[in-house]
Full PDB file with SEQRES, HELIX, SHEET, SSBOND, CRYST1, ORIGX, SCALE, CONECT and MASTER records, all heavy atoms in Angstrom:
SEQRES   1 A   34  TYR LEU LYS LEU PHE GLY LEU GLU GLY LYS ILE ASP LEU          
SEQRES   2 A   34  ALA GLU VAL GLU LEU SER ASN ALA VAL PRO ALA LEU LYS          
SEQRES   3 A   34  ASN GLY GLN ILE ASP GLY PHE VAL                              
HELIX    1 AA1 LEU A   18  ASN A   20  5                                   3    
HELIX    2 AA2 ALA A   21  LYS A   26  1                                   6    
CRYST1    1.000    1.000    1.000  90.00  90.00  90.00 P 1           1          
ORIGX1      1.000000  0.000000  0.000000        0.00000                         
ORIGX2      0.000000  1.000000  0.000000        0.00000                         
ORIGX3      0.000000  0.000000  1.000000        0.00000                         
SCALE1      1.000000  0.000000  0.000000        0.00000                         
SCALE2      0.000000  1.000000  0.000000        0.00000                         
SCALE3      0.000000  0.000000  1.000000        0.00000                         
ATOM      1  N   TYR A   1     118.421  25.447 163.438  1.00  0.00           N  
ATOM      2  CA  TYR A   1     118.966  24.382 164.250  1.00  0.00           C  
ATOM      3  C   TYR A   1     118.555  24.711 165.705  1.00  0.00           C  
ATOM      4  O   TYR A   1     118.350  23.717 166.476  1.00  0.00           O  
ATOM      5  CB  TYR A   1     120.550  24.319 164.173  1.00  0.00           C  
ATOM      6  CG  TYR A   1     120.957  23.744 162.808  1.00  0.00           C  
ATOM      7  CD1 TYR A   1     120.062  23.676 161.679  1.00  0.00           C  
ATOM      8  CD2 TYR A   1     122.264  23.465 162.636  1.00  0.00           C  
ATOM      9  CE1 TYR A   1     120.563  23.204 160.521  1.00  0.00           C  
ATOM     10  CE2 TYR A   1     122.765  22.869 161.436  1.00  0.00           C  
ATOM     11  CZ  TYR A   1     121.832  22.857 160.402  1.00  0.00           C  
ATOM     12  OH  TYR A   1     122.333  22.357 159.176  1.00  0.00           O  
ATOM     13  N   LEU A   2     118.568  25.970 166.101  1.00  0.00           N  
ATOM     14  CA  LEU A   2     118.114  26.285 167.486  1.00  0.00           C  
ATOM     15  C   LEU A   2     116.720  25.803 167.760  1.00  0.00           C  
ATOM     16  O   LEU A   2     116.363  25.192 168.826  1.00  0.00           O  
ATOM     17  CB  LEU A   2     118.237  27.823 167.800  1.00  0.00           C  
ATOM     18  CG  LEU A   2     119.668  28.376 167.666  1.00  0.00           C  
ATOM     19  CD1 LEU A   2     119.557  29.893 168.038  1.00  0.00           C  
ATOM     20  CD2 LEU A   2     120.608  27.615 168.569  1.00  0.00           C  
ATOM     21  N   LYS A   3     115.831  25.956 166.758  1.00  0.00           N  
ATOM     22  CA  LYS A   3     114.463  25.402 166.896  1.00  0.00           C  
ATOM     23  C   LYS A   3     114.455  23.918 166.880  1.00  0.00           C  
ATOM     24  O   LYS A   3     113.670  23.402 167.776  1.00  0.00           O  
ATOM     25  CB  LYS A   3     113.569  25.986 165.723  1.00  0.00           C  
ATOM     26  CG  LYS A   3     113.366  27.531 165.749  1.00  0.00           C  
ATOM     27  CD  LYS A   3     112.579  27.837 164.518  1.00  0.00           C  
ATOM     28  CE  LYS A   3     112.290  29.382 164.481  1.00  0.00           C  
ATOM     29  NZ  LYS A   3     111.586  29.887 163.313  1.00  0.00           N  
ATOM     30  N   LEU A   4     115.170  23.355 166.008  1.00  0.00           N  
ATOM     31  CA  LEU A   4     115.120  21.823 165.921  1.00  0.00           C  
ATOM     32  C   LEU A   4     115.722  21.244 167.228  1.00  0.00           C  
ATOM     33  O   LEU A   4     115.181  20.143 167.642  1.00  0.00           O  
ATOM     34  CB  LEU A   4     116.035  21.392 164.776  1.00  0.00           C  
ATOM     35  CG  LEU A   4     115.517  21.570 163.313  1.00  0.00           C  
ATOM     36  CD1 LEU A   4     116.670  21.173 162.361  1.00  0.00           C  
ATOM     37  CD2 LEU A   4     114.295  20.652 163.127  1.00  0.00           C  
ATOM     38  N   PHE A   5     116.644  21.838 167.853  1.00  0.00           N  
ATOM     39  CA  PHE A   5     117.290  21.247 169.007  1.00  0.00           C  
ATOM     40  C   PHE A   5     116.817  21.733 170.391  1.00  0.00           C  
ATOM     41  O   PHE A   5     117.407  21.600 171.429  1.00  0.00           O  
ATOM     42  CB  PHE A   5     118.799  21.398 168.890  1.00  0.00           C  
ATOM     43  CG  PHE A   5     119.422  20.905 167.645  1.00  0.00           C  
ATOM     44  CD1 PHE A   5     120.523  21.485 167.121  1.00  0.00           C  
ATOM     45  CD2 PHE A   5     118.828  19.862 166.884  1.00  0.00           C  
ATOM     46  CE1 PHE A   5     121.108  21.039 165.993  1.00  0.00           C  
ATOM     47  CE2 PHE A   5     119.354  19.406 165.755  1.00  0.00           C  
ATOM     48  CZ  PHE A   5     120.509  20.033 165.230  1.00  0.00           C  
ATOM     49  N   GLY A   6     115.577  22.461 170.280  1.00  0.00           N  
ATOM     50  CA  GLY A   6     114.914  22.842 171.584  1.00  0.00           C  
ATOM     51  C   GLY A   6     115.584  23.983 172.210  1.00  0.00           C  
ATOM     52  O   GLY A   6     115.431  24.149 173.446  1.00  0.00           O  
ATOM     53  N   LEU A   7     116.250  24.872 171.537  1.00  0.00           N  
ATOM     54  CA  LEU A   7     116.937  25.940 172.131  1.00  0.00           C  
ATOM     55  C   LEU A   7     116.340  27.382 171.804  1.00  0.00           C  
ATOM     56  O   LEU A   7     116.848  28.373 172.211  1.00  0.00           O  
ATOM     57  CB  LEU A   7     118.372  25.958 171.746  1.00  0.00           C  
ATOM     58  CG  LEU A   7     119.279  24.885 172.233  1.00  0.00           C  
ATOM     59  CD1 LEU A   7     120.669  24.774 171.613  1.00  0.00           C  
ATOM     60  CD2 LEU A   7     119.438  24.967 173.820  1.00  0.00           C  
ATOM     61  N   GLU A   8     115.287  27.361 171.081  1.00  0.00           N  
ATOM     62  CA  GLU A   8     114.585  28.552 170.654  1.00  0.00           C  
ATOM     63  C   GLU A   8     114.125  29.363 171.883  1.00  0.00           C  
ATOM     64  O   GLU A   8     113.466  28.845 172.859  1.00  0.00           O  
ATOM     65  CB  GLU A   8     113.394  28.341 169.683  1.00  0.00           C  
ATOM     66  CG  GLU A   8     112.764  29.646 169.245  1.00  0.00           C  
ATOM     67  CD  GLU A   8     111.676  29.352 168.230  1.00  0.00           C  
ATOM     68  OE1 GLU A   8     111.083  28.249 168.275  1.00  0.00           O  
ATOM     69  OE2 GLU A   8     111.192  30.262 167.556  1.00  0.00           O  
ATOM     70  N   GLY A   9     114.461  30.552 171.977  1.00  0.00           N  
ATOM     71  CA  GLY A   9     114.055  31.378 173.197  1.00  0.00           C  
ATOM     72  C   GLY A   9     114.895  31.157 174.413  1.00  0.00           C  
ATOM     73  O   GLY A   9     114.648  31.766 175.411  1.00  0.00           O  
ATOM     74  N   LYS A  10     115.850  30.236 174.308  1.00  0.00           N  
ATOM     75  CA  LYS A  10     116.672  29.882 175.546  1.00  0.00           C  
ATOM     76  C   LYS A  10     118.153  30.398 175.420  1.00  0.00           C  
ATOM     77  O   LYS A  10     118.987  30.091 176.261  1.00  0.00           O  
ATOM     78  CB  LYS A  10     116.571  28.416 175.756  1.00  0.00           C  
ATOM     79  CG  LYS A  10     115.317  27.751 175.914  1.00  0.00           C  
ATOM     80  CD  LYS A  10     115.353  26.212 176.096  1.00  0.00           C  
ATOM     81  CE  LYS A  10     114.020  25.703 176.348  1.00  0.00           C  
ATOM     82  NZ  LYS A  10     114.036  24.184 176.473  1.00  0.00           N  
ATOM     83  N   ILE A  11     118.304  31.156 174.248  1.00  0.00           N  
ATOM     84  CA  ILE A  11     119.646  31.688 174.101  1.00  0.00           C  
ATOM     85  C   ILE A  11     119.700  33.127 173.901  1.00  0.00           C  
ATOM     86  O   ILE A  11     118.736  33.689 173.417  1.00  0.00           O  
ATOM     87  CB  ILE A  11     120.274  31.077 172.738  1.00  0.00           C  
ATOM     88  CG1 ILE A  11     120.703  29.589 173.069  1.00  0.00           C  
ATOM     89  CG2 ILE A  11     121.511  31.862 172.245  1.00  0.00           C  
ATOM     90  CD1 ILE A  11     121.183  28.860 171.831  1.00  0.00           C  
ATOM     91  N   ASP A  12     120.668  33.837 174.500  1.00  0.00           N  
ATOM     92  CA  ASP A  12     120.746  35.329 174.312  1.00  0.00           C  
ATOM     93  C   ASP A  12     121.385  35.612 173.018  1.00  0.00           C  
ATOM     94  O   ASP A  12     122.621  35.403 172.816  1.00  0.00           O  
ATOM     95  CB  ASP A  12     121.569  35.824 175.489  1.00  0.00           C  
ATOM     96  CG  ASP A  12     121.875  37.336 175.326  1.00  0.00           C  
ATOM     97  OD1 ASP A  12     121.081  38.029 174.561  1.00  0.00           O  
ATOM     98  OD2 ASP A  12     122.823  37.898 175.982  1.00  0.00           O  
ATOM     99  N   LEU A  13     120.589  35.992 172.010  1.00  0.00           N  
ATOM    100  CA  LEU A  13     121.100  36.304 170.675  1.00  0.00           C  
ATOM    101  C   LEU A  13     121.815  37.649 170.724  1.00  0.00           C  
ATOM    102  O   LEU A  13     121.138  38.677 170.866  1.00  0.00           O  
ATOM    103  CB  LEU A  13     119.919  36.227 169.681  1.00  0.00           C  
ATOM    104  CG  LEU A  13     119.196  34.919 169.511  1.00  0.00           C  
ATOM    105  CD1 LEU A  13     118.066  34.994 168.569  1.00  0.00           C  
ATOM    106  CD2 LEU A  13     120.215  33.944 169.069  1.00  0.00           C  
ATOM    107  N   ALA A  14     123.004  37.637 170.455  1.00  0.00           N  
ATOM    108  CA  ALA A  14     123.798  38.857 170.478  1.00  0.00           C  
ATOM    109  C   ALA A  14     123.625  39.748 169.352  1.00  0.00           C  
ATOM    110  O   ALA A  14     123.411  39.433 168.261  1.00  0.00           O  
ATOM    111  CB  ALA A  14     125.353  38.526 170.490  1.00  0.00           C  
ATOM    112  N   GLU A  15     123.494  41.107 169.705  1.00  0.00           N  
ATOM    113  CA  GLU A  15     123.246  42.195 168.605  1.00  0.00           C  
ATOM    114  C   GLU A  15     124.656  42.655 168.253  1.00  0.00           C  
ATOM    115  O   GLU A  15     124.963  43.817 168.477  1.00  0.00           O  
ATOM    116  CB  GLU A  15     122.321  43.229 169.180  1.00  0.00           C  
ATOM    117  CG  GLU A  15     120.925  42.802 169.561  1.00  0.00           C  
ATOM    118  CD  GLU A  15     120.182  42.428 168.313  1.00  0.00           C  
ATOM    119  OE1 GLU A  15     120.416  42.985 167.239  1.00  0.00           O  
ATOM    120  OE2 GLU A  15     119.332  41.436 168.458  1.00  0.00           O  
ATOM    121  N   VAL A  16     125.301  41.796 167.534  1.00  0.00           N  
ATOM    122  CA  VAL A  16     126.705  42.196 167.024  1.00  0.00           C  
ATOM    123  C   VAL A  16     126.760  41.688 165.580  1.00  0.00           C  
ATOM    124  O   VAL A  16     126.223  40.719 165.166  1.00  0.00           O  
ATOM    125  CB  VAL A  16     127.801  41.477 167.890  1.00  0.00           C  
ATOM    126  CG1 VAL A  16     129.155  41.919 167.405  1.00  0.00           C  
ATOM    127  CG2 VAL A  16     127.665  41.871 169.298  1.00  0.00           C  
ATOM    128  N   GLU A  17     127.415  42.509 164.663  1.00  0.00           N  
ATOM    129  CA  GLU A  17     127.565  42.131 163.308  1.00  0.00           C  
ATOM    130  C   GLU A  17     128.568  40.953 163.240  1.00  0.00           C  
ATOM    131  O   GLU A  17     129.536  40.830 164.062  1.00  0.00           O  
ATOM    132  CB  GLU A  17     128.120  43.371 162.567  1.00  0.00           C  
ATOM    133  CG  GLU A  17     127.193  44.518 162.405  1.00  0.00           C  
ATOM    134  CD  GLU A  17     125.944  44.149 161.571  1.00  0.00           C  
ATOM    135  OE1 GLU A  17     126.057  43.393 160.606  1.00  0.00           O  
ATOM    136  OE2 GLU A  17     124.893  44.660 161.903  1.00  0.00           O  
ATOM    137  N   LEU A  18     128.295  40.088 162.308  1.00  0.00           N  
ATOM    138  CA  LEU A  18     129.127  38.850 162.118  1.00  0.00           C  
ATOM    139  C   LEU A  18     130.536  39.337 161.874  1.00  0.00           C  
ATOM    140  O   LEU A  18     131.538  38.606 162.306  1.00  0.00           O  
ATOM    141  CB  LEU A  18     128.550  37.929 161.004  1.00  0.00           C  
ATOM    142  CG  LEU A  18     129.273  36.609 160.833  1.00  0.00           C  
ATOM    143  CD1 LEU A  18     129.159  35.763 162.154  1.00  0.00           C  
ATOM    144  CD2 LEU A  18     128.675  35.905 159.676  1.00  0.00           C  
ATOM    145  N   SER A  19     130.745  40.438 161.197  1.00  0.00           N  
ATOM    146  CA  SER A  19     132.119  40.826 160.904  1.00  0.00           C  
ATOM    147  C   SER A  19     132.916  41.223 162.164  1.00  0.00           C  
ATOM    148  O   SER A  19     134.063  41.267 162.169  1.00  0.00           O  
ATOM    149  CB  SER A  19     132.050  42.057 159.971  1.00  0.00           C  
ATOM    150  OG  SER A  19     131.366  43.119 160.629  1.00  0.00           O  
ATOM    151  N   ASN A  20     132.235  41.366 163.274  1.00  0.00           N  
ATOM    152  CA  ASN A  20     132.858  41.690 164.568  1.00  0.00           C  
ATOM    153  C   ASN A  20     132.794  40.468 165.454  1.00  0.00           C  
ATOM    154  O   ASN A  20     133.187  40.656 166.656  1.00  0.00           O  
ATOM    155  CB  ASN A  20     132.128  42.951 165.285  1.00  0.00           C  
ATOM    156  CG  ASN A  20     132.326  44.233 164.517  1.00  0.00           C  
ATOM    157  OD1 ASN A  20     133.248  44.422 163.871  1.00  0.00           O  
ATOM    158  ND2 ASN A  20     131.213  44.960 164.390  1.00  0.00           N  
ATOM    159  N   ALA A  21     132.596  39.315 164.964  1.00  0.00           N  
ATOM    160  CA  ALA A  21     132.416  38.196 165.812  1.00  0.00           C  
ATOM    161  C   ALA A  21     133.718  37.733 166.513  1.00  0.00           C  
ATOM    162  O   ALA A  21     133.711  37.497 167.719  1.00  0.00           O  
ATOM    163  CB  ALA A  21     132.024  36.943 164.939  1.00  0.00           C  
ATOM    164  N   VAL A  22     134.851  37.851 165.823  1.00  0.00           N  
ATOM    165  CA  VAL A  22     136.117  37.434 166.455  1.00  0.00           C  
ATOM    166  C   VAL A  22     136.560  38.307 167.635  1.00  0.00           C  
ATOM    167  O   VAL A  22     136.780  37.857 168.658  1.00  0.00           O  
ATOM    168  CB  VAL A  22     137.225  37.278 165.367  1.00  0.00           C  
ATOM    169  CG1 VAL A  22     138.558  36.946 166.088  1.00  0.00           C  
ATOM    170  CG2 VAL A  22     136.889  36.301 164.358  1.00  0.00           C  
ATOM    171  N   PRO A  23     136.608  39.608 167.419  1.00  0.00           N  
ATOM    172  CA  PRO A  23     136.977  40.505 168.606  1.00  0.00           C  
ATOM    173  C   PRO A  23     135.897  40.349 169.701  1.00  0.00           C  
ATOM    174  O   PRO A  23     136.254  40.422 170.947  1.00  0.00           O  
ATOM    175  CB  PRO A  23     137.066  41.860 168.032  1.00  0.00           C  
ATOM    176  CG  PRO A  23     136.355  41.846 166.673  1.00  0.00           C  
ATOM    177  CD  PRO A  23     136.428  40.461 166.196  1.00  0.00           C  
ATOM    178  N   ALA A  24     134.661  40.162 169.391  1.00  0.00           N  
ATOM    179  CA  ALA A  24     133.543  40.112 170.403  1.00  0.00           C  
ATOM    180  C   ALA A  24     133.811  38.853 171.142  1.00  0.00           C  
ATOM    181  O   ALA A  24     133.633  38.791 172.453  1.00  0.00           O  
ATOM    182  CB  ALA A  24     132.288  40.110 169.753  1.00  0.00           C  
ATOM    183  N   LEU A  25     134.238  37.744 170.493  1.00  0.00           N  
ATOM    184  CA  LEU A  25     134.431  36.463 171.210  1.00  0.00           C  
ATOM    185  C   LEU A  25     135.713  36.570 172.085  1.00  0.00           C  
ATOM    186  O   LEU A  25     135.772  36.125 173.259  1.00  0.00           O  
ATOM    187  CB  LEU A  25     134.651  35.352 170.203  1.00  0.00           C  
ATOM    188  CG  LEU A  25     134.728  33.871 170.732  1.00  0.00           C  
ATOM    189  CD1 LEU A  25     133.412  33.432 171.249  1.00  0.00           C  
ATOM    190  CD2 LEU A  25     135.330  32.952 169.639  1.00  0.00           C  
ATOM    191  N   LYS A  26     136.644  37.246 171.560  1.00  0.00           N  
ATOM    192  CA  LYS A  26     137.991  37.423 172.197  1.00  0.00           C  
ATOM    193  C   LYS A  26     137.817  38.227 173.601  1.00  0.00           C  
ATOM    194  O   LYS A  26     138.430  37.840 174.517  1.00  0.00           O  
ATOM    195  CB  LYS A  26     139.069  37.982 171.382  1.00  0.00           C  
ATOM    196  CG  LYS A  26     140.481  38.011 171.955  1.00  0.00           C  
ATOM    197  CD  LYS A  26     141.400  38.580 170.805  1.00  0.00           C  
ATOM    198  CE  LYS A  26     142.880  38.533 171.461  1.00  0.00           C  
ATOM    199  NZ  LYS A  26     143.817  39.096 170.450  1.00  0.00           N  
ATOM    200  N   ASN A  27     137.055  39.237 173.584  1.00  0.00           N  
ATOM    201  CA  ASN A  27     136.889  40.026 174.685  1.00  0.00           C  
ATOM    202  C   ASN A  27     135.744  39.700 175.603  1.00  0.00           C  
ATOM    203  O   ASN A  27     135.458  40.344 176.589  1.00  0.00           O  
ATOM    204  CB  ASN A  27     136.754  41.604 174.273  1.00  0.00           C  
ATOM    205  CG  ASN A  27     135.503  41.815 173.497  1.00  0.00           C  
ATOM    206  OD1 ASN A  27     134.511  41.157 173.667  1.00  0.00           O  
ATOM    207  ND2 ASN A  27     135.510  42.856 172.649  1.00  0.00           N  
ATOM    208  N   GLY A  28     135.180  38.557 175.322  1.00  0.00           N  
ATOM    209  CA  GLY A  28     134.103  38.013 176.186  1.00  0.00           C  
ATOM    210  C   GLY A  28     132.780  38.647 175.992  1.00  0.00           C  
ATOM    211  O   GLY A  28     131.805  38.373 176.812  1.00  0.00           O  
ATOM    212  N   GLN A  29     132.591  39.454 174.988  1.00  0.00           N  
ATOM    213  CA  GLN A  29     131.299  40.085 174.710  1.00  0.00           C  
ATOM    214  C   GLN A  29     130.207  39.079 174.357  1.00  0.00           C  
ATOM    215  O   GLN A  29     129.043  39.198 174.612  1.00  0.00           O  
ATOM    216  CB  GLN A  29     131.371  41.153 173.647  1.00  0.00           C  
ATOM    217  CG  GLN A  29     130.153  41.979 173.438  1.00  0.00           C  
ATOM    218  CD  GLN A  29     130.391  43.047 172.383  1.00  0.00           C  
ATOM    219  OE1 GLN A  29     131.531  43.203 171.883  1.00  0.00           O  
ATOM    220  NE2 GLN A  29     129.368  43.700 171.876  1.00  0.00           N  
ATOM    221  N   ILE A  30     130.640  37.982 173.747  1.00  0.00           N  
ATOM    222  CA  ILE A  30     129.760  36.866 173.280  1.00  0.00           C  
ATOM    223  C   ILE A  30     130.450  35.564 173.707  1.00  0.00           C  
ATOM    224  O   ILE A  30     131.704  35.536 173.878  1.00  0.00           O  
ATOM    225  CB  ILE A  30     129.536  36.840 171.779  1.00  0.00           C  
ATOM    226  CG1 ILE A  30     130.757  36.735 170.912  1.00  0.00           C  
ATOM    227  CG2 ILE A  30     128.695  38.019 171.399  1.00  0.00           C  
ATOM    228  CD1 ILE A  30     130.595  36.459 169.420  1.00  0.00           C  
ATOM    229  N   ASP A  31     129.634  34.520 173.794  1.00  0.00           N  
ATOM    230  CA  ASP A  31     130.197  33.211 174.167  1.00  0.00           C  
ATOM    231  C   ASP A  31     130.444  32.331 172.964  1.00  0.00           C  
ATOM    232  O   ASP A  31     131.290  31.353 172.978  1.00  0.00           O  
ATOM    233  CB  ASP A  31     129.227  32.441 175.020  1.00  0.00           C  
ATOM    234  CG  ASP A  31     129.053  33.096 176.358  1.00  0.00           C  
ATOM    235  OD1 ASP A  31     129.966  33.306 177.009  1.00  0.00           O  
ATOM    236  OD2 ASP A  31     127.872  33.437 176.757  1.00  0.00           O  
ATOM    237  N   GLY A  32     129.883  32.732 171.821  1.00  0.00           N  
ATOM    238  CA  GLY A  32     130.089  31.919 170.532  1.00  0.00           C  
ATOM    239  C   GLY A  32     129.418  32.594 169.404  1.00  0.00           C  
ATOM    240  O   GLY A  32     128.695  33.552 169.470  1.00  0.00           O  
ATOM    241  N   PHE A  33     129.761  32.037 168.199  1.00  0.00           N  
ATOM    242  CA  PHE A  33     129.069  32.610 166.982  1.00  0.00           C  
ATOM    243  C   PHE A  33     128.848  31.431 166.010  1.00  0.00           C  
ATOM    244  O   PHE A  33     129.514  30.388 166.081  1.00  0.00           O  
ATOM    245  CB  PHE A  33     129.884  33.685 166.348  1.00  0.00           C  
ATOM    246  CG  PHE A  33     131.218  33.342 165.761  1.00  0.00           C  
ATOM    247  CD1 PHE A  33     131.368  32.899 164.461  1.00  0.00           C  
ATOM    248  CD2 PHE A  33     132.477  33.392 166.617  1.00  0.00           C  
ATOM    249  CE1 PHE A  33     132.623  32.651 163.992  1.00  0.00           C  
ATOM    250  CE2 PHE A  33     133.602  33.110 166.102  1.00  0.00           C  
ATOM    251  CZ  PHE A  33     133.699  32.689 164.799  1.00  0.00           C  
ATOM    252  N   VAL A  34     127.903  31.635 165.125  1.00  0.00           N  
ATOM    253  CA  VAL A  34     127.593  30.675 164.084  1.00  0.00           C  
ATOM    254  C   VAL A  34     127.971  31.266 162.750  1.00  0.00           C  
ATOM    255  O   VAL A  34     127.602  32.381 162.390  1.00  0.00           O  
ATOM    256  CB  VAL A  34     126.101  30.347 164.146  1.00  0.00           C  
ATOM    257  CG1 VAL A  34     125.765  29.239 163.004  1.00  0.00           C  
ATOM    258  CG2 VAL A  34     125.672  29.749 165.513  1.00  0.00           C  
TER     259      VAL A  34                                                      
MASTER        0    0    0    2    0    0    0    6  258    1    0    3          
END                                                                             
């Protein structure tokens, strides 16, 4: 979807495991998750 919607290379892809997405979002380490 990032490629389809013109966002490829324009997003900082976080190096965090998906299992840690919620605490990472809560403490501001990431802005969002898929």
